[in-house]
Amino acid sequence: MSGCSFILDFSDKAGVHDAALDGPYTQAECTYLEPNDTIDTAAMIDPTIDMGPAAICPPAPGLTEDDDYYKFTVPAGTTKTTIVLTDGLLPNGMPGGDLDLKLYNSMQVVVGQSRNFSATETLICPAVSPACPALTPGDDYVFEVLPGSPVNLNNYTFAITFAQ
């Protein structure tokens, strides 16, 4: 009886390292306003201009996941702030990986978050559900876009609106 044998090499050295991204996002989306992978390196944004598209991509070496942080200042006279994160769709029209949203105050304390399983995360401040206090005009806040689980990768857009 004759047969054949295969030796498969799945080590890192056998991988193709210059291949195109394998996901529903582009390199430009992966590097949008980078570096912004920590709360201390949050990208300062102008909510009337900066809205993405961006992406949660495979993490950099040494990291367990790719998180994106954006800093904004609440304008004077603001009584309500709304942050909307919209997950992208795969080329087949199906939803991509679930992304979540957290909001931090200037002391780096979480003051609100939206962690549902829909394609849109919405955080309204002030509101009861999900809970979020009124944001102080003139203060800086940071919102984090993170995968619902470390394997969730997806592109996204965001919008911040202020009401008086």
Protein backbone atom coordinates (compact mmCIF):
# COMPACT_ATOMS: atom_id res chain seq x y z
CA MET A 1 0.00 0.00 0.00
CA SER A 2 1.49 3.31 -1.01
CA GLY A 3 0.61 6.70 0.39
CA CYS A 4 1.90 10.15 0.83
CA SER A 5 2.92 12.18 3.80
CA PHE A 6 2.65 15.88 4.48
CA ILE A 7 4.64 17.95 6.89
CA LEU A 8 2.81 21.14 7.68
CA ASP A 9 4.65 24.07 9.21
CA PHE A 10 2.33 26.46 11.08
CA SER A 11 5.15 28.29 12.87
CA ASP A 12 5.50 32.06 12.70
CA LYS A 13 8.55 31.77 10.42
CA ALA A 14 6.43 29.98 7.81
CA GLY A 15 3.78 32.70 7.73
CA VAL A 16 3.43 35.33 5.02
CA HIS A 17 4.17 38.64 6.73
CA ASP A 18 3.71 41.04 3.84
CA ALA A 19 0.27 39.80 2.82
CA ALA A 20 -2.71 42.11 2.65
CA LEU A 21 -5.00 42.36 5.66
CA ASP A 22 -7.47 39.52 5.89
CA GLY A 23 -10.55 41.33 7.12
CA PRO A 24 -13.36 43.75 6.30
CA TYR A 25 -11.11 46.80 6.78
CA THR A 26 -8.29 48.65 5.06
CA GLN A 27 -4.80 49.55 6.26
CA ALA A 28 -5.91 53.22 6.36
CA GLU A 29 -8.77 52.25 8.71
CA CYS A 30 -6.36 50.27 10.93
CA THR A 31 -4.00 53.24 11.26
CA TYR A 32 -6.65 55.99 11.58
CA LEU A 33 -5.29 58.63 14.01
CA GLU A 34 -2.68 56.18 15.36
CA PRO A 35 -1.03 55.95 17.77
CA ASN A 36 -4.17 55.85 19.91
CA ASP A 37 -3.90 52.41 21.53
CA THR A 38 -3.95 53.60 25.16
CA ILE A 39 -5.85 56.19 27.15
CA ASP A 40 -2.60 58.16 27.49
CA THR A 41 -2.12 58.27 23.70
CA ALA A 42 -5.77 59.07 22.89
CA ALA A 43 -6.11 61.02 19.64
CA MET A 44 -7.59 64.50 20.18
CA ILE A 45 -10.51 64.85 17.78
CA ASP A 46 -12.79 67.54 16.44
CA PRO A 47 -16.20 65.80 16.48
CA THR A 48 -17.35 67.87 13.47
CA ILE A 49 -14.52 66.48 11.32
CA ASP A 50 -13.09 63.27 12.80
CA MET A 51 -15.58 60.39 12.47
CA GLY A 52 -13.60 57.57 10.91
CA PRO A 53 -13.81 55.21 9.23
CA ALA A 54 -11.41 53.40 11.54
CA ALA A 55 -10.98 49.74 12.49
CA ILE A 56 -10.18 47.36 15.29
CA CYS A 57 -7.52 45.19 13.65
CA PRO A 58 -5.21 42.35 14.67
CA PRO A 59 -3.24 43.57 17.69
CA ALA A 60 0.35 44.77 17.51
CA PRO A 61 3.02 42.37 18.82
CA GLY A 62 2.88 42.19 22.60
CA LEU A 63 -0.75 43.33 22.83
CA THR A 64 -3.78 41.09 23.37
CA GLU A 65 -6.21 43.31 21.44
CA ASP A 66 -6.39 46.52 19.44
CA ASP A 67 -8.27 49.27 21.28
CA ASP A 68 -8.72 52.81 19.94
CA TYR A 69 -9.00 55.89 22.19
CA TYR A 70 -10.27 59.33 21.18
CA LYS A 71 -10.27 62.51 23.29
CA PHE A 72 -12.74 65.37 22.93
CA THR A 73 -13.68 68.53 24.84
CA VAL A 74 -17.31 69.21 25.79
CA PRO A 75 -18.28 72.68 24.47
CA ALA A 76 -19.62 75.41 26.76
CA GLY A 77 -23.39 75.30 27.24
CA THR A 78 -23.71 71.57 26.51
CA THR A 79 -26.49 69.81 28.43
CA LYS A 80 -26.52 66.51 26.52
CA THR A 81 -23.75 64.58 24.74
CA THR A 82 -24.46 61.64 22.43
CA ILE A 83 -21.78 59.23 21.19
CA VAL A 84 -22.75 56.74 18.48
CA LEU A 85 -20.44 53.94 17.34
CA THR A 86 -21.53 52.10 14.19
CA ASP A 87 -19.91 48.75 13.37
CA GLY A 88 -19.07 47.97 9.76
CA LEU A 89 -20.45 45.16 7.61
CA LEU A 90 -18.57 42.35 5.95
CA PRO A 91 -18.46 42.32 2.13
CA ASN A 92 -21.39 39.84 2.18
CA GLY A 93 -23.54 42.38 4.07
CA MET A 94 -23.41 40.46 7.36
CA PRO A 95 -22.29 42.19 10.57
CA GLY A 96 -18.61 42.03 11.42
CA GLY A 97 -17.18 41.53 14.90
CA ASP A 98 -19.00 43.13 17.84
CA LEU A 99 -17.41 46.37 19.06
CA ASP A 100 -18.12 48.13 22.36
CA LEU A 101 -17.80 51.66 23.71
CA LYS A 102 -16.48 53.04 27.03
CA LEU A 103 -16.31 56.67 28.17
CA TYR A 104 -13.70 57.98 30.65
CA ASN A 105 -13.49 61.29 32.50
CA SER A 106 -10.27 63.30 32.89
CA MET A 107 -9.33 61.17 35.92
CA GLN A 108 -9.45 58.06 33.66
CA VAL A 109 -12.51 56.70 35.49
CA VAL A 110 -15.19 54.97 33.41
CA VAL A 111 -18.33 57.14 33.54
CA GLY A 112 -20.39 55.29 30.92
CA GLN A 113 -20.34 52.35 28.56
CA SER A 114 -22.40 50.61 25.91
CA ARG A 115 -21.80 46.88 25.48
CA ASN A 116 -24.68 45.42 23.51
CA PHE A 117 -24.58 42.94 20.63
CA SER A 118 -26.09 45.15 17.95
CA ALA A 119 -24.24 46.93 15.15
CA THR A 120 -24.66 50.28 16.93
CA GLU A 121 -23.51 51.35 20.37
CA THR A 122 -25.10 54.56 21.69
CA LEU A 123 -24.18 56.42 24.85
CA ILE A 124 -26.21 59.45 25.89
CA CYS A 125 -25.01 61.60 28.78
CA PRO A 126 -26.93 62.21 30.97
CA ALA A 127 -29.04 59.05 30.83
CA VAL A 128 -30.15 56.17 33.02
CA SER A 129 -29.72 53.18 30.70
CA PRO A 130 -26.94 52.76 29.94
CA ALA A 131 -25.97 54.91 32.90
CA CYS A 132 -23.97 58.06 32.16
CA PRO A 133 -23.79 61.34 34.12
CA ALA A 134 -24.00 64.81 32.61
CA LEU A 135 -20.64 65.73 31.11
CA THR A 136 -19.02 68.93 32.37
CA PRO A 137 -18.62 71.63 29.71
CA GLY A 138 -14.96 72.54 29.18
CA ASP A 139 -13.70 69.16 30.42
CA ASP A 140 -11.92 66.56 28.32
CA TYR A 141 -13.31 63.04 27.99
CA VAL A 142 -11.93 59.94 26.26
CA PHE A 143 -13.99 57.27 24.57
CA GLU A 144 -12.59 53.83 23.88
CA VAL A 145 -13.61 51.55 21.02
CA LEU A 146 -12.84 47.95 21.93
CA PRO A 147 -13.72 44.50 20.64
CA GLY A 148 -16.58 42.70 22.40
CA SER A 149 -14.08 39.83 22.71
CA PRO A 150 -10.41 39.89 21.65
CA VAL A 151 -11.16 38.01 18.42
CA ASN A 152 -13.73 40.54 17.20
CA LEU A 153 -12.26 42.67 14.42
CA ASN A 154 -14.25 45.22 12.45
CA ASN A 155 -14.25 48.67 10.93
CA TYR A 156 -16.43 51.43 12.35
CA THR A 157 -17.48 55.05 12.24
CA PHE A 158 -18.42 57.29 15.14
CA ALA A 159 -20.30 60.51 15.75
CA ILE A 160 -20.48 62.83 18.75
CA THR A 161 -23.22 65.42 19.04
CA PHE A 162 -23.73 68.09 21.67
CA ALA A 163 -27.10 69.63 22.58
CA GLN A 164 -27.68 72.83 24.51
